[in-house]
Amino acid sequence: MVGGPKKTPPSIGPSHYTTFDEFWQREDELWELSLKESIRQKKERIKKLNEKDVSNMQARIRDNKIPKD
């Protein structure tokens, strides 16, 4: 080979974390943030579905005709 054996590319930049605990602390923070966002989105979807159901129900009630005896 010209230029010697292939070398492993260097890592991109220095590590952000200096210790094992700091790394996992950051991972835990990201996990918690992700969980909170998922819960918020779920509540938002449920709220939209409930609003949609209520408006549909009101339309069905208005369209409902009382039978004459």
N, C-alpha and C. Protein backbone atom coordinates (compact mmCIF):
# COMPACT_ATOMS: atom_id res chain seq x y z
N MET A 1 0.83 -1.18 0.00
CA MET A 1 0.00 0.00 0.00
C MET A 1 0.87 1.24 0.00
N VAL A 2 0.43 2.19 -0.73
CA VAL A 2 1.16 3.45 -0.74
C VAL A 2 0.70 4.26 0.46
N GLY A 3 1.63 4.76 1.26
CA GLY A 3 1.28 5.58 2.42
C GLY A 3 1.03 4.76 3.67
N GLY A 4 1.24 3.47 3.64
CA GLY A 4 1.09 2.67 4.84
C GLY A 4 -0.32 2.13 5.01
N PRO A 5 -0.56 1.45 6.12
CA PRO A 5 -1.88 0.86 6.37
C PRO A 5 -2.93 1.93 6.65
N LYS A 6 -4.15 1.55 6.38
CA LYS A 6 -5.28 2.46 6.60
C LYS A 6 -5.43 2.72 8.10
N LYS A 7 -5.64 3.98 8.44
CA LYS A 7 -5.78 4.35 9.84
C LYS A 7 -7.24 4.61 10.18
N THR A 8 -7.58 4.37 11.41
CA THR A 8 -8.92 4.67 11.90
C THR A 8 -9.07 6.19 11.97
N PRO A 9 -10.19 6.74 11.46
CA PRO A 9 -10.35 8.18 11.50
C PRO A 9 -10.43 8.68 12.95
N PRO A 10 -9.93 9.88 13.20
CA PRO A 10 -9.98 10.41 14.57
C PRO A 10 -11.42 10.71 14.97
N SER A 11 -11.67 10.67 16.25
CA SER A 11 -13.01 11.02 16.74
C SER A 11 -13.22 12.51 16.54
N ILE A 12 -14.46 12.89 16.44
CA ILE A 12 -14.79 14.29 16.19
C ILE A 12 -14.81 15.03 17.51
N GLY A 13 -13.82 15.85 17.73
CA GLY A 13 -13.77 16.70 18.91
C GLY A 13 -13.55 15.94 20.20
N PRO A 14 -13.25 16.68 21.25
CA PRO A 14 -13.05 16.05 22.55
C PRO A 14 -14.38 15.63 23.16
N SER A 15 -14.31 14.72 24.08
CA SER A 15 -15.51 14.24 24.75
C SER A 15 -16.11 15.37 25.58
N HIS A 16 -17.44 15.48 25.56
CA HIS A 16 -18.13 16.50 26.34
C HIS A 16 -18.14 16.15 27.82
N TYR A 17 -18.03 14.88 28.11
CA TYR A 17 -18.17 14.39 29.47
C TYR A 17 -16.80 13.97 30.00
N THR A 18 -16.56 14.31 31.23
CA THR A 18 -15.26 13.95 31.79
C THR A 18 -15.35 12.70 32.66
N THR A 19 -16.54 12.39 33.13
CA THR A 19 -16.68 11.20 33.97
C THR A 19 -17.89 10.38 33.53
N PHE A 20 -17.92 9.16 33.99
CA PHE A 20 -19.02 8.25 33.73
C PHE A 20 -20.33 8.82 34.29
N ASP A 21 -20.27 9.35 35.51
CA ASP A 21 -21.47 9.91 36.15
C ASP A 21 -22.03 11.11 35.38
N GLU A 22 -21.15 11.96 34.88
CA GLU A 22 -21.61 13.12 34.11
C GLU A 22 -22.30 12.68 32.82
N PHE A 23 -21.76 11.67 32.17
CA PHE A 23 -22.37 11.15 30.95
C PHE A 23 -23.79 10.65 31.24
N TRP A 24 -23.94 9.82 32.26
CA TRP A 24 -25.25 9.25 32.55
C TRP A 24 -26.21 10.27 33.14
N GLN A 25 -25.70 11.29 33.81
CA GLN A 25 -26.56 12.36 34.29
C GLN A 25 -27.20 13.07 33.09
N ARG A 26 -26.41 13.34 32.08
CA ARG A 26 -26.92 13.99 30.87
C ARG A 26 -27.91 13.09 30.15
N GLU A 27 -27.62 11.81 30.06
CA GLU A 27 -28.55 10.87 29.42
C GLU A 27 -29.87 10.81 30.19
N ASP A 28 -29.81 10.82 31.50
CA ASP A 28 -31.03 10.81 32.32
C ASP A 28 -31.85 12.08 32.09
N GLU A 29 -31.19 13.22 31.97
CA GLU A 29 -31.89 14.48 31.71
C GLU A 29 -32.59 14.44 30.36
N LEU A 30 -31.91 13.91 29.36
CA LEU A 30 -32.52 13.81 28.03
C LEU A 30 -33.71 12.85 28.05
N TRP A 31 -33.59 11.74 28.76
CA TRP A 31 -34.67 10.76 28.87
C TRP A 31 -35.89 11.40 29.54
N GLU A 32 -35.66 12.14 30.61
CA GLU A 32 -36.75 12.79 31.34
C GLU A 32 -37.44 13.83 30.44
N LEU A 33 -36.65 14.61 29.72
CA LEU A 33 -37.20 15.60 28.81
C LEU A 33 -38.05 14.94 27.73
N SER A 34 -37.56 13.85 27.18
CA SER A 34 -38.28 13.12 26.15
C SER A 34 -39.59 12.55 26.69
N LEU A 35 -39.55 12.01 27.88
CA LEU A 35 -40.75 11.45 28.50
C LEU A 35 -41.80 12.54 28.73
N LYS A 36 -41.37 13.69 29.25
CA LYS A 36 -42.31 14.80 29.49
C LYS A 36 -42.94 15.26 28.19
N GLU A 37 -42.16 15.35 27.13
CA GLU A 37 -42.69 15.78 25.84
C GLU A 37 -43.67 14.75 25.29
N SER A 38 -43.39 13.48 25.45
CA SER A 38 -44.31 12.44 25.00
C SER A 38 -45.64 12.52 25.74
N ILE A 39 -45.59 12.74 27.03
CA ILE A 39 -46.81 12.86 27.83
C ILE A 39 -47.60 14.08 27.40
N ARG A 40 -46.91 15.20 27.15
CA ARG A 40 -47.58 16.42 26.71
C ARG A 40 -48.28 16.20 25.37
N GLN A 41 -47.60 15.54 24.44
CA GLN A 41 -48.19 15.28 23.13
C GLN A 41 -49.38 14.34 23.23
N LYS A 42 -49.30 13.35 24.11
CA LYS A 42 -50.42 12.42 24.28
C LYS A 42 -51.64 13.17 24.81
N LYS A 43 -51.44 14.03 25.80
CA LYS A 43 -52.55 14.81 26.35
C LYS A 43 -53.17 15.71 25.28
N GLU A 44 -52.32 16.29 24.45
CA GLU A 44 -52.80 17.15 23.38
C GLU A 44 -53.64 16.37 22.38
N ARG A 45 -53.19 15.16 22.01
CA ARG A 45 -53.97 14.33 21.08
C ARG A 45 -55.31 13.93 21.68
N ILE A 46 -55.31 13.56 22.95
CA ILE A 46 -56.57 13.17 23.62
C ILE A 46 -57.52 14.35 23.67
N LYS A 47 -56.99 15.53 23.97
CA LYS A 47 -57.83 16.73 24.02
C LYS A 47 -58.47 17.00 22.65
N LYS A 48 -57.68 16.88 21.59
CA LYS A 48 -58.23 17.11 20.24
C LYS A 48 -59.30 16.08 19.91
N LEU A 49 -59.07 14.83 20.28
CA LEU A 49 -60.06 13.79 20.02
C LEU A 49 -61.35 14.06 20.79
N ASN A 50 -61.22 14.47 22.04
CA ASN A 50 -62.40 14.76 22.85
C ASN A 50 -63.18 15.95 22.28
N GLU A 51 -62.48 16.97 21.83
CA GLU A 51 -63.15 18.13 21.23
C GLU A 51 -63.88 17.71 19.96
N LYS A 52 -63.25 16.86 19.18
CA LYS A 52 -63.86 16.38 17.95
C LYS A 52 -65.10 15.55 18.26
N ASP A 53 -65.02 14.68 19.26
CA ASP A 53 -66.16 13.85 19.64
C ASP A 53 -67.32 14.69 20.15
N VAL A 54 -67.02 15.72 20.94
CA VAL A 54 -68.07 16.58 21.49
C VAL A 54 -68.79 17.31 20.37
N SER A 55 -68.04 17.85 19.41
CA SER A 55 -68.69 18.57 18.31
C SER A 55 -69.52 17.61 17.45
N ASN A 56 -69.03 16.39 17.25
CA ASN A 56 -69.81 15.40 16.49
C ASN A 56 -71.07 15.02 17.24
N MET A 57 -70.96 14.90 18.55
CA MET A 57 -72.12 14.53 19.35
C MET A 57 -73.17 15.63 19.30
N GLN A 58 -72.75 16.89 19.37
CA GLN A 58 -73.70 17.99 19.29
C GLN A 58 -74.41 18.00 17.95
N ALA A 59 -73.70 17.72 16.89
CA ALA A 59 -74.31 17.67 15.56
C ALA A 59 -75.32 16.53 15.48
N ARG A 60 -74.99 15.38 16.06
CA ARG A 60 -75.92 14.24 16.04
C ARG A 60 -77.17 14.56 16.86
N ILE A 61 -77.01 15.26 17.96
CA ILE A 61 -78.18 15.60 18.79
C ILE A 61 -79.08 16.56 18.03
N ARG A 62 -78.48 17.54 17.35
CA ARG A 62 -79.29 18.49 16.58
C ARG A 62 -80.03 17.79 15.45
N ASP A 63 -79.40 16.81 14.83
CA ASP A 63 -80.00 16.10 13.70
C ASP A 63 -81.02 15.06 14.15
N ASN A 64 -81.02 14.71 15.40
CA ASN A 64 -81.92 13.69 15.92
C ASN A 64 -83.35 14.22 15.93
N LYS A 65 -84.22 13.48 15.33
CA LYS A 65 -85.62 13.90 15.27
C LYS A 65 -86.44 13.09 16.26
N ILE A 66 -87.30 13.78 16.92
CA ILE A 66 -88.17 13.12 17.91
C ILE A 66 -89.32 12.47 17.15
N PRO A 67 -89.50 11.16 17.35
CA PRO A 67 -90.60 10.49 16.64
C PRO A 67 -91.96 10.95 17.17
N LYS A 68 -92.90 11.07 16.27
CA LYS A 68 -94.26 11.46 16.66
C LYS A 68 -95.08 10.20 16.93
N ASP A 69 -95.81 10.25 18.02
CA ASP A 69 -96.62 9.08 18.38
C ASP A 69 -97.91 9.02 17.62
